[in-house]
Amino acid sequence: MNTTIEHYNLKSRQTYKNWTPVTLRFGDMDCLGHINNVAVASYIEVARTTLIHGIMDKFGHQNLNFVLASLLINYHKEFRYPGTVDVGARLSNLGNKSIKSIYGIFLGQDCVATGESINVFFDMESRRSVAPPDDVRDALVKAIREA
């Protein structure tokens, strides 16, 4: 069973309900003097894990986790230390064993980067991909529809 909601404007703050503030660090800059692409990936990671664990952890499935299968980042504007960015996140698609989420990174009102990730549900004991249990799946479907 796939649940899909499409047609998001990733560069719009209105697209996102879940927000994670991230403080820019001096060490996040590269030799060009702007925030490095690797740092941007870690900002998305913070938002992604906060969002997905925030839903999954309510159910106490000790062996259930998720792994990153794909990450796509589009860079729209350079930005620099110091400051804080707001990372907007939302779930967009639920597959049989995977979840897609989307992101917008904002410095004030400016969208500096957007991203998409696909995560696969993972059984920590068997070390294999799994379908999420029904209670987790229902919560994820609800989160997609209500966001």
C-alpha atoms as a PDB file:
ATOM      1  CA  MET A   1       0.000   0.000   0.000  1.00  0.00           C
ATOM      2  CA  ASN A   2       1.465   3.320  -1.064  1.00  0.00           C
ATOM      3  CA  THR A   3       0.350   6.642   0.349  1.00  0.00           C
ATOM      4  CA  THR A   4       1.464   9.625  -1.720  1.00  0.00           C
ATOM      5  CA  ILE A   5       0.948  13.348  -1.517  1.00  0.00           C
ATOM      6  CA  GLU A   6       2.716  15.273  -4.285  1.00  0.00           C
ATOM      7  CA  HIS A   7       2.998  18.759  -5.753  1.00  0.00           C
ATOM      8  CA  TYR A   8       4.786  20.586  -2.962  1.00  0.00           C
ATOM      9  CA  ASN A   9       6.568  23.889  -3.340  1.00  0.00           C
ATOM     10  CA  LEU A  10       9.730  23.005  -1.453  1.00  0.00           C
ATOM     11  CA  LYS A  11      10.875  26.662  -1.425  1.00  0.00           C
ATOM     12  CA  SER A  12       7.763  27.860   0.452  1.00  0.00           C
ATOM     13  CA  ARG A  13       7.670  28.059   4.246  1.00  0.00           C
ATOM     14  CA  GLN A  14       3.950  27.186   4.079  1.00  0.00           C
ATOM     15  CA  THR A  15       4.829  23.695   2.858  1.00  0.00           C
ATOM     16  CA  TYR A  16       6.275  22.707   6.244  1.00  0.00           C
ATOM     17  CA  LYS A  17       4.679  22.154   9.635  1.00  0.00           C
ATOM     18  CA  ASN A  18       7.688  20.636  11.429  1.00  0.00           C
ATOM     19  CA  TRP A  19      10.629  22.952  12.108  1.00  0.00           C
ATOM     20  CA  THR A  20      14.100  22.340  13.479  1.00  0.00           C
ATOM     21  CA  PRO A  21      16.387  25.326  14.161  1.00  0.00           C
ATOM     22  CA  VAL A  22      20.068  24.624  13.464  1.00  0.00           C
ATOM     23  CA  THR A  23      22.901  26.908  14.548  1.00  0.00           C
ATOM     24  CA  LEU A  24      25.524  27.465  11.873  1.00  0.00           C
ATOM     25  CA  ARG A  25      29.028  26.684  13.083  1.00  0.00           C
ATOM     26  CA  PHE A  26      32.279  28.326  12.028  1.00  0.00           C
ATOM     27  CA  GLY A  27      33.549  24.871  11.050  1.00  0.00           C
ATOM     28  CA  ASP A  28      30.628  24.448   8.616  1.00  0.00           C
ATOM     29  CA  MET A  29      32.248  26.889   6.188  1.00  0.00           C
ATOM     30  CA  ASP A  30      34.453  25.804   3.319  1.00  0.00           C
ATOM     31  CA  CYS A  31      37.434  27.490   1.640  1.00  0.00           C
ATOM     32  CA  LEU A  32      35.044  29.663  -0.401  1.00  0.00           C
ATOM     33  CA  GLY A  33      33.686  31.191   2.813  1.00  0.00           C
ATOM     34  CA  HIS A  34      30.173  29.802   2.615  1.00  0.00           C
ATOM     35  CA  ILE A  35      28.423  26.890   4.312  1.00  0.00           C
ATOM     36  CA  ASN A  36      29.687  23.607   2.845  1.00  0.00           C
ATOM     37  CA  ASN A  37      27.420  21.078   1.162  1.00  0.00           C
ATOM     38  CA  VAL A  38      28.277  18.409   3.743  1.00  0.00           C
ATOM     39  CA  ALA A  39      27.033  20.698   6.527  1.00  0.00           C
ATOM     40  CA  VAL A  40      23.744  21.196   4.660  1.00  0.00           C
ATOM     41  CA  ALA A  41      23.294  17.408   4.547  1.00  0.00           C
ATOM     42  CA  SER A  42      23.770  17.268   8.319  1.00  0.00           C
ATOM     43  CA  TYR A  43      21.149  20.010   8.847  1.00  0.00           C
ATOM     44  CA  ILE A  44      18.674  17.874   6.897  1.00  0.00           C
ATOM     45  CA  GLU A  45      19.715  14.834   8.933  1.00  0.00           C
ATOM     46  CA  VAL A  46      18.795  16.619  12.169  1.00  0.00           C
ATOM     47  CA  ALA A  47      15.339  17.485  10.824  1.00  0.00           C
ATOM     48  CA  ARG A  48      14.828  14.021   9.292  1.00  0.00           C
ATOM     49  CA  THR A  49      15.678  12.057  12.421  1.00  0.00           C
ATOM     50  CA  THR A  50      13.686  14.427  14.635  1.00  0.00           C
ATOM     51  CA  LEU A  51      10.613  14.066  12.420  1.00  0.00           C
ATOM     52  CA  ILE A  52      10.650  10.322  11.816  1.00  0.00           C
ATOM     53  CA  HIS A  53      11.790   9.263  15.283  1.00  0.00           C
ATOM     54  CA  GLY A  54       9.199  11.639  16.732  1.00  0.00           C
ATOM     55  CA  ILE A  55       6.523   9.459  15.163  1.00  0.00           C
ATOM     56  CA  MET A  56       8.093   5.982  15.412  1.00  0.00           C
ATOM     57  CA  ASP A  57       9.392   6.173  18.976  1.00  0.00           C
ATOM     58  CA  LYS A  58       5.874   6.536  20.404  1.00  0.00           C
ATOM     59  CA  PHE A  59       5.193   2.872  19.710  1.00  0.00           C
ATOM     60  CA  GLY A  60       8.125   1.187  21.450  1.00  0.00           C
ATOM     61  CA  HIS A  61       9.203  -1.159  18.659  1.00  0.00           C
ATOM     62  CA  GLN A  62      12.731  -1.665  19.993  1.00  0.00           C
ATOM     63  CA  ASN A  63      14.176  -3.299  16.875  1.00  0.00           C
ATOM     64  CA  LEU A  64      12.602  -0.930  14.353  1.00  0.00           C
ATOM     65  CA  ASN A  65      14.707   1.869  12.903  1.00  0.00           C
ATOM     66  CA  PHE A  66      15.321   3.400   9.478  1.00  0.00           C
ATOM     67  CA  VAL A  67      18.298   3.869   7.202  1.00  0.00           C
ATOM     68  CA  LEU A  68      18.973   6.505   4.584  1.00  0.00           C
ATOM     69  CA  ALA A  69      18.687   5.098   1.052  1.00  0.00           C
ATOM     70  CA  SER A  70      18.746   8.333  -0.958  1.00  0.00           C
ATOM     71  CA  LEU A  71      19.371  12.022  -0.368  1.00  0.00           C
ATOM     72  CA  LEU A  72      18.926  14.757  -2.959  1.00  0.00           C
ATOM     73  CA  ILE A  73      19.853  18.362  -2.125  1.00  0.00           C
ATOM     74  CA  ASN A  74      19.341  21.424  -4.292  1.00  0.00           C
ATOM     75  CA  TYR A  75      21.321  24.514  -3.328  1.00  0.00           C
ATOM     76  CA  HIS A  76      19.581  27.810  -4.101  1.00  0.00           C
ATOM     77  CA  LYS A  77      21.661  30.523  -2.381  1.00  0.00           C
ATOM     78  CA  GLU A  78      24.964  30.603  -0.616  1.00  0.00           C
ATOM     79  CA  PHE A  79      24.902  31.432   3.068  1.00  0.00           C
ATOM     80  CA  ARG A  80      27.520  32.038   5.724  1.00  0.00           C
ATOM     81  CA  TYR A  81      28.343  31.716   9.378  1.00  0.00           C
ATOM     82  CA  PRO A  82      27.147  33.066  11.826  1.00  0.00           C
ATOM     83  CA  GLY A  83      23.431  32.522  12.111  1.00  0.00           C
ATOM     84  CA  THR A  84      20.675  29.997  12.505  1.00  0.00           C
ATOM     85  CA  VAL A  85      18.679  28.282   9.797  1.00  0.00           C
ATOM     86  CA  ASP A  86      15.202  26.833  10.119  1.00  0.00           C
ATOM     87  CA  VAL A  87      14.835  23.429   8.519  1.00  0.00           C
ATOM     88  CA  GLY A  88      11.266  22.634   7.528  1.00  0.00           C
ATOM     89  CA  ALA A  89      10.380  18.975   7.152  1.00  0.00           C
ATOM     90  CA  ARG A  90       7.397  16.898   6.147  1.00  0.00           C
ATOM     91  CA  LEU A  91       6.650  13.360   5.111  1.00  0.00           C
ATOM     92  CA  SER A  92       5.428  13.063   1.551  1.00  0.00           C
ATOM     93  CA  ASN A  93       5.194   9.412   0.433  1.00  0.00           C
ATOM     94  CA  LEU A  94       4.914   6.078   2.203  1.00  0.00           C
ATOM     95  CA  GLY A  95       5.838   2.883   0.387  1.00  0.00           C
ATOM     96  CA  ASN A  96       5.719  -0.694   1.577  1.00  0.00           C
ATOM     97  CA  LYS A  97       9.113  -0.514   3.306  1.00  0.00           C
ATOM     98  CA  SER A  98      10.141   3.105   2.776  1.00  0.00           C
ATOM     99  CA  ILE A  99       9.224   6.693   3.542  1.00  0.00           C
ATOM    100  CA  LYS A 100      10.003   9.813   1.519  1.00  0.00           C
ATOM    101  CA  SER A 101      10.421  13.175   3.218  1.00  0.00           C
ATOM    102  CA  ILE A 102      11.040  16.678   1.918  1.00  0.00           C
ATOM    103  CA  TYR A 103      12.942  19.651   3.360  1.00  0.00           C
ATOM    104  CA  GLY A 104      13.419  23.368   3.008  1.00  0.00           C
ATOM    105  CA  ILE A 105      16.287  25.227   4.664  1.00  0.00           C
ATOM    106  CA  PHE A 106      15.527  28.864   5.361  1.00  0.00           C
ATOM    107  CA  LEU A 107      17.719  31.733   6.482  1.00  0.00           C
ATOM    108  CA  GLY A 108      15.074  34.212   7.516  1.00  0.00           C
ATOM    109  CA  GLN A 109      12.569  34.209   4.659  1.00  0.00           C
ATOM    110  CA  ASP A 110      15.120  33.089   2.066  1.00  0.00           C
ATOM    111  CA  CYS A 111      15.115  29.441   1.025  1.00  0.00           C
ATOM    112  CA  VAL A 112      18.788  28.546   0.681  1.00  0.00           C
ATOM    113  CA  ALA A 113      18.399  24.815  -0.033  1.00  0.00           C
ATOM    114  CA  THR A 114      15.785  22.117  -0.490  1.00  0.00           C
ATOM    115  CA  GLY A 115      16.033  18.380  -0.220  1.00  0.00           C
ATOM    116  CA  GLU A 116      14.340  15.023  -0.462  1.00  0.00           C
ATOM    117  CA  SER A 117      15.250  11.798   1.255  1.00  0.00           C
ATOM    118  CA  ILE A 118      14.101   8.214   1.071  1.00  0.00           C
ATOM    119  CA  ASN A 119      14.506   6.087   4.156  1.00  0.00           C
ATOM    120  CA  VAL A 120      13.965   2.356   4.438  1.00  0.00           C
ATOM    121  CA  PHE A 121      12.552   0.781   7.587  1.00  0.00           C
ATOM    122  CA  PHE A 122      15.122  -1.508   9.118  1.00  0.00           C
ATOM    123  CA  ASP A 123      15.022  -4.324  11.652  1.00  0.00           C
ATOM    124  CA  MET A 124      18.035  -3.871  13.919  1.00  0.00           C
ATOM    125  CA  GLU A 125      18.157  -7.554  14.875  1.00  0.00           C
ATOM    126  CA  SER A 126      17.865  -9.176  11.440  1.00  0.00           C
ATOM    127  CA  ARG A 127      19.684  -6.247   9.743  1.00  0.00           C
ATOM    128  CA  ARG A 128      17.137  -6.282   6.904  1.00  0.00           C
ATOM    129  CA  SER A 129      14.541  -3.963   5.482  1.00  0.00           C
ATOM    130  CA  VAL A 130      11.037  -4.491   6.832  1.00  0.00           C
ATOM    131  CA  ALA A 131       7.540  -3.149   6.444  1.00  0.00           C
ATOM    132  CA  PRO A 132       6.639  -0.953   9.418  1.00  0.00           C
ATOM    133  CA  PRO A 133       4.136  -2.425  11.892  1.00  0.00           C
ATOM    134  CA  ASP A 134       0.513  -1.384  11.364  1.00  0.00           C
ATOM    135  CA  ASP A 135       0.482   1.105  14.259  1.00  0.00           C
ATOM    136  CA  VAL A 136       3.558   2.911  12.904  1.00  0.00           C
ATOM    137  CA  ARG A 137       2.200   2.797   9.334  1.00  0.00           C
ATOM    138  CA  ASP A 138      -1.124   4.284  10.487  1.00  0.00           C
ATOM    139  CA  ALA A 139       0.692   7.108  12.305  1.00  0.00           C
ATOM    140  CA  LEU A 140       2.844   7.839   9.258  1.00  0.00           C
ATOM    141  CA  VAL A 141      -0.198   7.908   6.955  1.00  0.00           C
ATOM    142  CA  LYS A 142      -1.907  10.288   9.378  1.00  0.00           C
ATOM    143  CA  ALA A 143       1.196  12.525   9.473  1.00  0.00           C
ATOM    144  CA  ILE A 144       1.309  12.668   5.663  1.00  0.00           C
ATOM    145  CA  ARG A 145      -2.371  13.575   5.369  1.00  0.00           C
ATOM    146  CA  GLU A 146      -2.386  16.156   8.189  1.00  0.00           C
ATOM    147  CA  ALA A 147       0.825  17.976   7.424  1.00  0.00           C
END
